[in-house]
Amino acid sequence: MFCNLREAVEDLKAGKIVCISDREDIENEIDMMCLGEYATVENINYMITNAKGLVCCPMSAEWCDKIGFEPMKNDNIKADKLGTPFYQSIDLDNGSTGISAIERSKTINHVASGDAVLSDFVSPGHLFTLRAKPGLLDERLGNTEFSVQMAELCESKPVAVICEVINKDGEMLRVKDFEEWNKDKGLKLYSIDKLLNYLRFDKAIDRILDSE
């Protein structure tokens, strides 16, 4: 069911969407993901139509801080128990409502451009920014960190797009139901556990072999 890292990276670098799954003991959910530089209208529209969850833009802590995004305030309500690092919800400041796939694509493209400053956006908006922990998966085992880690492995800018997948019955899509759901889509699925195994073991073995 799961693809390997090379297959996932190849699809992402080709501008395709892949699915990523987190750990069963966390949310046990599946997200669609693409690289921020490939936040095309087609990819965003596909996510909105077929994933149906919340379109978010995870980015590295350094990238987020450089633009100047601030945390979403929760002073008068309980904090998310999973520690989801929601920062400001934004739209590109271009006079549009920001909700269409076209406008969300423009917003993400500008976030990922490397030239964005805070004044380029309005808030609240229809794209939810997420700030990954500086140590990525060494600090937090979330899809925010997972997707940014994948972007870095793709040698891309540390900006991604993720959207939770909701199944036909209205429940979140789980791994056990992925193959049935994916029959008419042909998307690859990669898991956080497989990436952790690569980062902790396979990558170390590769370094040892390279040094021999």
Protein backbone atom coordinates (compact mmCIF):
# COMPACT_ATOMS: atom_id res chain seq x y z
CA MET A 1 0.00 0.00 0.00
CA PHE A 2 2.75 2.46 0.96
CA CYS A 3 5.20 3.73 -1.62
CA ASN A 4 8.88 4.22 -0.83
CA LEU A 5 10.61 7.55 -0.27
CA ARG A 6 12.07 7.71 -3.78
CA GLU A 7 8.63 7.30 -5.35
CA ALA A 8 7.09 9.97 -3.11
CA VAL A 9 9.92 12.42 -3.80
CA GLU A 10 9.76 11.80 -7.55
CA ASP A 11 6.04 12.59 -7.64
CA LEU A 12 6.41 15.70 -5.49
CA LYS A 13 9.30 17.01 -7.58
CA ALA A 14 7.19 16.42 -10.69
CA GLY A 15 4.52 18.70 -9.24
CA LYS A 16 2.12 15.91 -8.31
CA ILE A 17 0.02 15.42 -5.18
CA VAL A 18 0.88 12.58 -2.81
CA CYS A 19 -0.93 11.41 0.31
CA ILE A 20 0.79 11.30 3.68
CA SER A 21 -0.37 9.47 6.80
CA ASP A 22 0.48 10.30 10.38
CA ARG A 23 0.82 7.87 13.29
CA GLU A 24 -2.09 5.78 14.54
CA ASP A 25 -1.53 7.06 18.08
CA ILE A 26 -1.80 10.72 17.03
CA GLU A 27 -4.62 11.54 14.57
CA ASN A 28 -4.46 8.44 12.35
CA GLU A 29 -5.45 10.62 9.39
CA ILE A 30 -4.37 11.06 5.79
CA ASP A 31 -3.58 14.39 4.13
CA MET A 32 -3.02 15.29 0.52
CA MET A 33 0.24 17.15 0.04
CA CYS A 34 2.10 19.01 -2.66
CA LEU A 35 5.13 21.26 -2.64
CA GLY A 36 4.44 24.96 -2.17
CA GLU A 37 6.13 25.76 -5.48
CA TYR A 38 3.56 23.51 -7.19
CA ALA A 39 0.48 25.05 -5.60
CA THR A 40 -1.12 25.24 -9.02
CA VAL A 41 -4.79 26.04 -9.51
CA GLU A 42 -5.25 22.43 -10.62
CA ASN A 43 -3.64 21.00 -7.46
CA ILE A 44 -5.53 23.28 -5.09
CA ASN A 45 -8.83 22.64 -6.86
CA TYR A 46 -8.16 18.89 -6.72
CA MET A 47 -7.56 19.07 -2.97
CA ILE A 48 -10.69 21.14 -2.36
CA THR A 49 -12.79 18.75 -4.46
CA ASN A 50 -11.36 15.38 -3.42
CA ALA A 51 -9.79 15.87 0.01
CA LYS A 52 -12.41 18.31 1.28
CA GLY A 53 -10.52 19.27 4.43
CA LEU A 54 -8.82 22.51 5.44
CA VAL A 55 -6.18 23.77 3.00
CA CYS A 56 -3.11 24.74 5.03
CA CYS A 57 0.34 26.02 4.17
CA PRO A 58 3.04 24.54 6.44
CA MET A 59 6.45 26.17 6.29
CA SER A 60 9.72 26.06 8.17
CA ALA A 61 10.07 28.20 11.29
CA GLU A 62 12.72 30.31 9.56
CA TRP A 63 10.51 30.94 6.51
CA CYS A 64 7.51 31.82 8.68
CA ASP A 65 9.50 34.19 10.88
CA LYS A 66 11.13 35.87 7.88
CA ILE A 67 7.71 36.81 6.49
CA GLY A 68 6.52 37.79 9.95
CA PHE A 69 3.42 35.63 10.44
CA GLU A 70 2.19 35.52 14.03
CA PRO A 71 0.48 32.73 16.00
CA MET A 72 -3.28 32.44 15.87
CA LYS A 73 -4.53 33.82 19.18
CA ASN A 74 -6.31 31.55 21.65
CA ASP A 75 -6.31 33.69 24.79
CA ASN A 76 -9.94 33.01 25.69
CA ILE A 77 -10.32 29.39 24.55
CA LYS A 78 -8.51 26.11 25.21
CA ALA A 79 -5.42 25.43 23.12
CA ASP A 80 -5.46 22.56 20.63
CA LYS A 81 -4.35 19.46 22.56
CA LEU A 82 -2.26 18.25 19.61
CA GLY A 83 -0.33 21.50 19.45
CA THR A 84 -1.22 22.20 15.83
CA PRO A 85 0.92 25.26 15.05
CA PHE A 86 -1.73 27.48 13.48
CA TYR A 87 -0.45 30.91 12.55
CA GLN A 88 -2.36 33.70 10.83
CA SER A 89 -5.02 32.86 8.25
CA ILE A 90 -4.27 34.94 5.17
CA ASP A 91 -5.29 36.05 1.69
CA LEU A 92 -3.10 37.85 -0.81
CA ASP A 93 -3.90 41.55 -0.66
CA ASN A 94 -5.13 41.91 -4.23
CA GLY A 95 -8.73 42.95 -3.74
CA SER A 96 -10.15 39.44 -4.12
CA THR A 97 -12.16 37.47 -1.57
CA GLY A 98 -9.34 34.91 -1.55
CA ILE A 99 -11.55 31.80 -1.35
CA SER A 100 -11.36 30.41 -4.89
CA ALA A 101 -8.81 27.79 -5.89
CA ILE A 102 -7.29 30.43 -8.17
CA GLU A 103 -6.86 32.93 -5.34
CA ARG A 104 -5.61 30.39 -2.82
CA SER A 105 -3.08 29.23 -5.39
CA LYS A 106 -1.89 32.82 -5.83
CA THR A 107 -1.59 33.26 -2.06
CA ILE A 108 0.48 30.10 -1.60
CA ASN A 109 2.66 30.90 -4.60
CA HIS A 110 3.50 34.26 -3.06
CA VAL A 111 4.25 32.70 0.35
CA ALA A 112 6.63 30.29 -1.40
CA SER A 113 8.20 32.93 -3.65
CA GLY A 114 10.87 34.01 -1.20
CA ASP A 115 9.93 37.65 -1.75
CA ALA A 116 6.85 37.87 0.49
CA VAL A 117 6.52 40.37 3.32
CA LEU A 118 3.70 40.58 5.84
CA SER A 119 2.12 43.63 4.23
CA ASP A 120 1.45 41.61 1.06
CA PHE A 121 -1.38 39.79 2.86
CA VAL A 122 -4.64 40.50 4.67
CA SER A 123 -5.89 38.56 7.69
CA PRO A 124 -8.13 36.77 8.56
CA GLY A 125 -8.19 34.92 5.26
CA HIS A 126 -8.87 31.61 3.62
CA LEU A 127 -5.41 30.01 3.74
CA PHE A 128 -4.17 28.76 7.10
CA THR A 129 -0.45 29.10 7.72
CA LEU A 130 1.38 26.56 9.89
CA ARG A 131 4.83 27.04 11.44
CA ALA A 132 6.83 23.84 11.73
CA LYS A 133 9.06 23.27 14.73
CA PRO A 134 12.69 24.23 13.98
CA GLY A 135 13.83 20.64 14.49
CA LEU A 136 11.01 19.27 12.35
CA LEU A 137 10.30 15.59 13.16
CA ASP A 138 12.96 15.59 15.88
CA GLU A 139 10.70 17.98 17.80
CA ARG A 140 7.12 17.14 16.78
CA LEU A 141 5.55 14.23 14.92
CA GLY A 142 2.92 16.19 13.02
CA ASN A 143 1.95 16.47 9.37
CA THR A 144 3.16 20.09 9.52
CA GLU A 145 6.70 18.92 10.21
CA PHE A 146 6.31 15.84 8.00
CA SER A 147 5.39 17.89 4.93
CA VAL A 148 8.14 20.48 5.45
CA GLN A 149 10.66 17.65 5.94
CA MET A 150 9.49 16.15 2.64
CA ALA A 151 9.91 19.53 0.93
CA GLU A 152 13.48 19.72 2.18
CA LEU A 153 14.21 16.18 0.97
CA CYS A 154 12.92 17.30 -2.43
CA GLU A 155 15.47 20.14 -2.29
CA SER A 156 12.56 22.53 -2.63
CA LYS A 157 11.66 25.63 -0.68
CA PRO A 158 10.51 24.64 2.84
CA VAL A 159 6.87 25.39 2.06
CA ALA A 160 4.14 22.80 1.47
CA VAL A 161 0.39 22.52 1.01
CA ILE A 162 -1.65 19.97 2.95
CA CYS A 163 -5.35 19.19 3.14
CA GLU A 164 -7.02 16.52 5.29
CA VAL A 165 -8.91 13.82 3.40
CA ILE A 166 -12.54 13.29 4.36
CA ASN A 167 -14.07 9.97 3.31
CA LYS A 168 -17.40 9.57 1.52
CA ASP A 169 -19.18 8.87 4.81
CA GLY A 170 -18.00 12.16 6.31
CA GLU A 171 -15.40 10.54 8.59
CA MET A 172 -11.69 11.18 8.22
CA LEU A 173 -9.98 8.80 5.81
CA ARG A 174 -7.91 6.12 7.59
CA VAL A 175 -5.14 3.97 6.17
CA LYS A 176 -7.33 0.85 6.18
CA ASP A 177 -9.76 2.54 3.78
CA PHE A 178 -7.17 4.18 1.54
CA GLU A 179 -7.02 1.59 -1.26
CA GLU A 180 -10.78 1.60 -1.77
CA TRP A 181 -10.90 5.40 -1.72
CA ASN A 182 -7.90 5.66 -4.07
CA LYS A 183 -9.20 3.27 -6.77
CA ASP A 184 -10.13 6.05 -9.19
CA LYS A 185 -7.34 8.46 -8.19
CA GLY A 186 -4.00 6.66 -8.39
CA LEU A 187 -2.31 8.71 -5.69
CA LYS A 188 0.74 7.42 -3.82
CA LEU A 189 0.68 7.06 -0.03
CA TYR A 190 3.72 7.59 2.20
CA SER A 191 3.79 7.39 5.99
CA ILE A 192 5.49 9.33 8.73
CA ASP A 193 6.82 6.08 10.19
CA LYS A 194 8.57 5.22 6.92
CA LEU A 195 10.15 8.68 6.83
CA LEU A 196 11.26 8.39 10.45
CA ASN A 197 12.82 5.03 9.67
CA TYR A 198 14.73 6.60 6.78
CA LEU A 199 15.92 9.60 8.80
CA ARG A 200 17.03 7.51 11.78
CA PHE A 201 18.45 4.41 10.09
CA ASP A 202 18.63 4.34 6.29
CA LYS A 203 20.18 7.80 6.02
CA ALA A 204 22.84 6.86 8.55
CA ILE A 205 23.63 3.70 6.60
CA ASP A 206 23.92 5.75 3.38
CA ARG A 207 26.45 8.05 5.10
CA ILE A 208 28.52 5.08 6.24
CA LEU A 209 28.55 3.56 2.75
CA ASP A 210 29.51 6.89 1.20
CA SER A 211 32.50 7.18 3.51
CA GLU A 212 33.91 3.73 2.70
